[in-house]
Structures are given as C-alpha cells and as structure tokens.
Amino acid sequence: MPFWTGVTGAGHDPKRESRFVVSIGALNNTSYVWYAKSFTKPVATVKSVAHRYLNHSFNYPGSVEWNEVTLEMVDPTDPVDAAGSLADLLSAIGYDVPSSESGLKTVSKRKSVVAIGIVSVSHIDDEGTPIETWTLNQPIVTKIDWGSVKYDSDNLNTLKLSLKYDWATCVLGAEATGGTRAVTANAGDTGTFFKVSGSAS
C-alpha cells in the first residue's frame, strides 16, 4: 500500500534522513558514534566506455567505482574527545611527525583497515531498529579535518573524517541487525531497489 496510507498495522514510515546511527570501530568500539552530525551514504559510479562508428556513439558499461564518504561530527570533549581520537587514528595508520628520532614507519592499507575497524551506517525506524544498514569494506583514511575557529561564531566545532573503501554491502529489513551480505539486483522485484540474498521480501 502507499506509504501515506500505511498508518496502522505492521508497516513502517518512509526512511528519514535524521533517523540514522553510525558505527566506526576506531571512534566508538562497540557502540554508536552518538556525536555524529551527518554521514554520506555510499555512491556507486559505473564508468562507461564509448565506441564511435561514423556519426554514432555507442556506450558500454565499464568498472564500478565506490565514491568517498565523509562523516561530520561535533567534538563533545567529555566523555569522548573526538579531535584526540582522530589524531590517534592518524598515528595508528602509520603516520609519525618528523623528528630527530623518527623511525622508518609509514602508512599502509593493512594498518588503515585494522585501525579504522568496521564502518557502517544504518537507517533506523521509529523504534530504533535498523531497517537499512550499509557497511564499508576495507576502508582507508583519505582526509581528516579538525574544523576551524573564529571569534564571531558560537557554533559547535565540527570535525570531518573522509574514507575510501573497496566496496560496500547493504542489508535491508529484518536482516539489517546482523552481519553484512552482498547486495544483488533482482529485475523481477517491484517496489524494492535492493534485495539481499536470502532475506525475506
């Protein structure tokens, strides 16, 4: 039934941008990043290759590339100092500031993936239950922004963490509370953009 008539029964409201939770192992361990302000969901870009023949151009799909995502968060200071957590993350992926005692350690993908941990963002319903969960696989840090300061603003300080990843997985509905499973497109489905293998329709 249309979502605007589904006010009773077991149906859900449409997904809201403001109903979400973010989990990043490096920032919250086993809980949610409760100081998250916004998070860009994954974007898949399908590259195309053009073949020219006389006056015509025919396009063919190429490789799929997953775009960078960015987490915006406020810096609560207590009980978590987010700015300090980001500094620790930069160190954990292998960066050392230059010094007379500087070693030979460098940044690596292995360190990045281990240091960041599991990264996921979930749409939740009005009961707080995840109804759509995206997980980033093998993420690496691409940018850390500690914000800015100015005398004419009373806004909360905003930090930004940008990540790239190799691929993303999506879990919908009742399956969204456990594990991550690959998304498959199902041409026969109606009303559903993604269908997760093995989950109920």
Protein backbone atom coordinates (compact mmCIF):
# COMPACT_ATOMS: atom_id res chain seq x y z
CA MET A 1 0.00 0.00 0.00
CA PRO A 2 1.18 3.59 -0.48
CA PHE A 3 3.25 4.83 2.44
CA TRP A 4 0.89 7.77 3.09
CA THR A 5 -1.98 5.37 3.84
CA GLY A 6 0.04 2.91 5.92
CA VAL A 7 -0.67 4.49 9.31
CA THR A 8 -1.76 1.27 11.02
CA GLY A 9 -0.57 -2.30 11.14
CA ALA A 10 3.00 -3.54 10.77
CA GLY A 11 4.16 -1.07 8.13
CA HIS A 12 6.96 1.50 8.50
CA ASP A 13 7.14 5.21 7.88
CA PRO A 14 9.33 6.27 4.95
CA LYS A 15 13.02 6.39 5.84
CA ARG A 16 14.04 9.72 7.35
CA GLU A 17 17.42 11.40 6.84
CA SER A 18 17.51 12.28 10.53
CA ARG A 19 16.93 8.71 11.74
CA PHE A 20 20.36 7.14 11.49
CA VAL A 21 23.21 5.75 13.54
CA VAL A 22 26.89 5.48 12.58
CA SER A 23 29.37 2.91 13.83
CA ILE A 24 33.15 3.24 13.31
CA GLY A 25 35.33 0.92 15.32
CA ALA A 26 38.12 3.45 15.80
CA LEU A 27 35.73 6.02 17.28
CA ASN A 28 33.19 4.03 19.26
CA ASN A 29 34.42 0.44 19.66
CA THR A 30 31.16 -1.49 20.24
CA SER A 31 28.61 1.36 20.38
CA TYR A 32 27.45 4.12 18.05
CA VAL A 33 29.16 7.42 17.27
CA TRP A 34 26.46 9.35 19.16
CA TYR A 35 28.16 12.67 18.31
CA ALA A 36 27.83 12.08 14.54
CA LYS A 37 26.24 15.01 12.72
CA SER A 38 25.95 13.63 9.18
CA PHE A 39 27.28 10.77 7.07
CA THR A 40 27.24 10.44 3.30
CA LYS A 41 25.95 7.03 2.24
CA PRO A 42 27.89 5.04 -0.38
CA VAL A 43 27.64 6.06 -4.02
CA ALA A 44 28.43 3.60 -6.81
CA THR A 45 29.67 5.10 -10.08
CA VAL A 46 29.59 2.92 -13.19
CA LYS A 47 32.22 4.07 -15.64
CA SER A 48 31.38 3.95 -19.32
CA VAL A 49 33.37 3.30 -22.47
CA ALA A 50 32.26 4.82 -25.77
CA HIS A 51 32.71 3.19 -29.17
CA ARG A 52 32.48 5.51 -32.18
CA TYR A 53 31.20 4.34 -35.55
CA LEU A 54 30.81 7.02 -38.24
CA ASN A 55 28.36 9.56 -36.80
CA HIS A 56 27.27 7.33 -33.93
CA SER A 57 28.49 6.72 -30.42
CA PHE A 58 27.64 3.52 -28.53
CA ASN A 59 28.20 3.33 -24.77
CA TYR A 60 29.17 0.24 -22.80
CA PRO A 61 29.34 -0.12 -19.01
CA GLY A 62 32.80 -0.42 -17.52
CA SER A 63 34.06 -0.92 -13.98
CA VAL A 64 32.20 0.12 -10.83
CA GLU A 65 33.86 2.62 -8.51
CA TRP A 66 32.65 3.38 -4.97
CA ASN A 67 32.91 7.06 -4.09
CA GLU A 68 34.44 8.59 -0.98
CA VAL A 69 32.22 9.09 2.09
CA THR A 70 32.52 11.74 4.80
CA LEU A 71 31.48 11.67 8.45
CA GLU A 72 30.79 15.02 10.13
CA MET A 73 30.79 15.06 13.92
CA VAL A 74 30.81 17.52 16.77
CA ASP A 75 33.63 17.42 19.33
CA PRO A 76 31.98 16.62 22.68
CA THR A 77 35.23 16.71 24.74
CA ASP A 78 33.65 14.64 27.54
CA PRO A 79 33.48 11.65 27.80
CA VAL A 80 34.98 11.44 24.29
CA ASP A 81 37.47 13.85 22.76
CA ALA A 82 36.78 13.34 19.05
CA ALA A 83 39.71 15.53 17.96
CA GLY A 84 42.06 13.39 20.01
CA SER A 85 40.51 10.20 18.60
CA LEU A 86 41.20 11.42 15.05
CA ALA A 87 44.79 12.26 15.97
CA ASP A 88 45.20 8.77 17.42
CA LEU A 89 43.71 7.30 14.22
CA LEU A 90 46.24 9.16 12.05
CA SER A 91 49.02 7.75 14.19
CA ALA A 92 47.54 4.24 14.11
CA ILE A 93 47.52 4.09 10.30
CA GLY A 94 51.30 4.67 10.36
CA TYR A 95 51.93 8.42 10.37
CA ASP A 96 54.66 9.89 12.59
CA VAL A 97 55.56 13.58 12.70
CA PRO A 98 59.17 14.22 11.61
CA SER A 99 61.68 14.34 14.44
CA SER A 100 65.33 13.66 15.13
CA GLU A 101 64.28 10.26 16.44
CA SER A 102 61.94 9.49 13.56
CA GLY A 103 61.86 5.84 12.56
CA LEU A 104 61.07 4.16 9.28
CA LYS A 105 57.35 3.54 9.92
CA THR A 106 54.97 4.55 7.09
CA VAL A 107 51.26 4.49 6.33
CA SER A 108 49.85 1.25 4.88
CA LYS A 109 46.50 -0.20 3.86
CA ARG A 110 46.81 -3.02 6.37
CA LYS A 111 47.28 -0.57 9.23
CA SER A 112 44.45 1.60 7.95
CA VAL A 113 41.91 -1.22 7.71
CA VAL A 114 42.85 -2.58 11.15
CA ALA A 115 42.93 0.86 12.80
CA ILE A 116 39.58 2.05 11.45
CA GLY A 117 37.67 -1.15 12.16
CA ILE A 118 34.14 -1.82 10.96
CA VAL A 119 32.35 1.17 9.42
CA SER A 120 28.58 1.14 9.00
CA VAL A 121 25.62 3.50 8.78
CA SER A 122 22.04 2.42 9.48
CA HIS A 123 18.66 3.94 8.82
CA ILE A 124 16.50 3.21 11.88
CA ASP A 125 12.74 3.18 12.33
CA ASP A 126 10.72 4.97 14.99
CA GLU A 127 11.53 2.16 17.45
CA GLY A 128 15.28 2.48 16.88
CA THR A 129 15.52 -0.77 14.90
CA PRO A 130 17.87 -0.80 11.88
CA ILE A 131 15.94 -1.16 8.62
CA GLU A 132 18.82 -0.49 6.19
CA THR A 133 22.49 -0.97 7.02
CA TRP A 134 25.45 -0.11 4.77
CA THR A 135 28.90 -1.45 5.61
CA LEU A 136 32.14 -0.18 4.05
CA ASN A 137 34.64 -2.91 3.27
CA GLN A 138 38.39 -2.34 3.65
CA PRO A 139 38.19 1.40 4.35
CA ILE A 140 41.19 3.73 4.34
CA VAL A 141 41.54 7.29 5.63
CA THR A 142 41.74 9.93 2.90
CA LYS A 143 41.19 13.14 4.87
CA ILE A 144 40.93 14.38 8.46
CA ASP A 145 39.61 17.91 9.05
CA TRP A 146 39.74 19.27 12.58
CA GLY A 147 37.48 22.24 11.77
CA SER A 148 38.14 25.95 12.24
CA VAL A 149 37.90 28.64 14.90
CA LYS A 150 36.55 32.19 14.69
CA TYR A 151 35.52 34.81 17.24
CA ASP A 152 32.16 35.67 15.67
CA SER A 153 30.65 32.17 15.90
CA ASP A 154 29.14 30.21 18.79
CA ASN A 155 28.61 27.06 16.71
CA LEU A 156 29.83 23.71 17.98
CA ASN A 157 33.15 22.72 16.46
CA THR A 158 32.67 20.30 13.56
CA LEU A 159 35.20 17.64 12.59
CA LYS A 160 35.26 15.67 9.34
CA LEU A 161 36.63 12.23 8.53
CA SER A 162 36.71 11.10 4.87
CA LEU A 163 37.11 7.46 3.88
CA LYS A 164 37.55 5.47 0.69
CA TYR A 165 36.75 1.77 0.56
CA ASP A 166 36.91 -1.11 -1.89
CA TRP A 167 33.19 -1.94 -1.93
CA ALA A 168 30.04 -1.54 0.15
CA THR A 169 27.39 -4.05 1.20
CA CYS A 170 23.77 -3.33 2.08
CA VAL A 171 21.37 -5.29 4.27
CA LEU A 172 17.66 -4.44 4.34
CA GLY A 173 14.73 -5.12 6.64
CA ALA A 174 14.91 -7.72 9.39
CA GLU A 175 18.39 -8.82 8.25
CA ALA A 176 19.84 -5.35 8.95
CA THR A 177 20.61 -6.15 12.58
CA GLY A 178 23.10 -8.90 11.89
CA GLY A 179 26.09 -9.36 9.61
CA THR A 180 26.74 -7.98 6.16
CA ARG A 181 25.71 -9.73 2.98
CA ALA A 182 26.24 -8.84 -0.64
CA VAL A 183 23.53 -6.92 -2.44
CA THR A 184 22.10 -8.43 -5.60
CA ALA A 185 19.88 -6.67 -8.11
CA ASN A 186 16.66 -8.53 -8.81
CA ALA A 187 14.97 -7.42 -12.03
CA GLY A 188 11.70 -9.13 -11.11
CA ASP A 189 11.22 -7.19 -7.86
CA THR A 190 8.83 -4.28 -7.68
CA GLY A 191 8.97 -1.57 -5.04
CA THR A 192 12.42 -2.64 -3.87
CA PHE A 193 15.65 -1.13 -5.14
CA PHE A 194 17.90 -3.65 -3.46
CA LYS A 195 17.18 -7.21 -2.48
CA VAL A 196 19.57 -9.05 -0.19
CA SER A 197 20.22 -12.68 -0.99
CA GLY A 198 18.43 -14.92 1.46
CA SER A 199 16.31 -12.25 3.15
CA ALA A 200 12.55 -12.17 3.22
CA SER A 201 10.79 -9.99 0.65
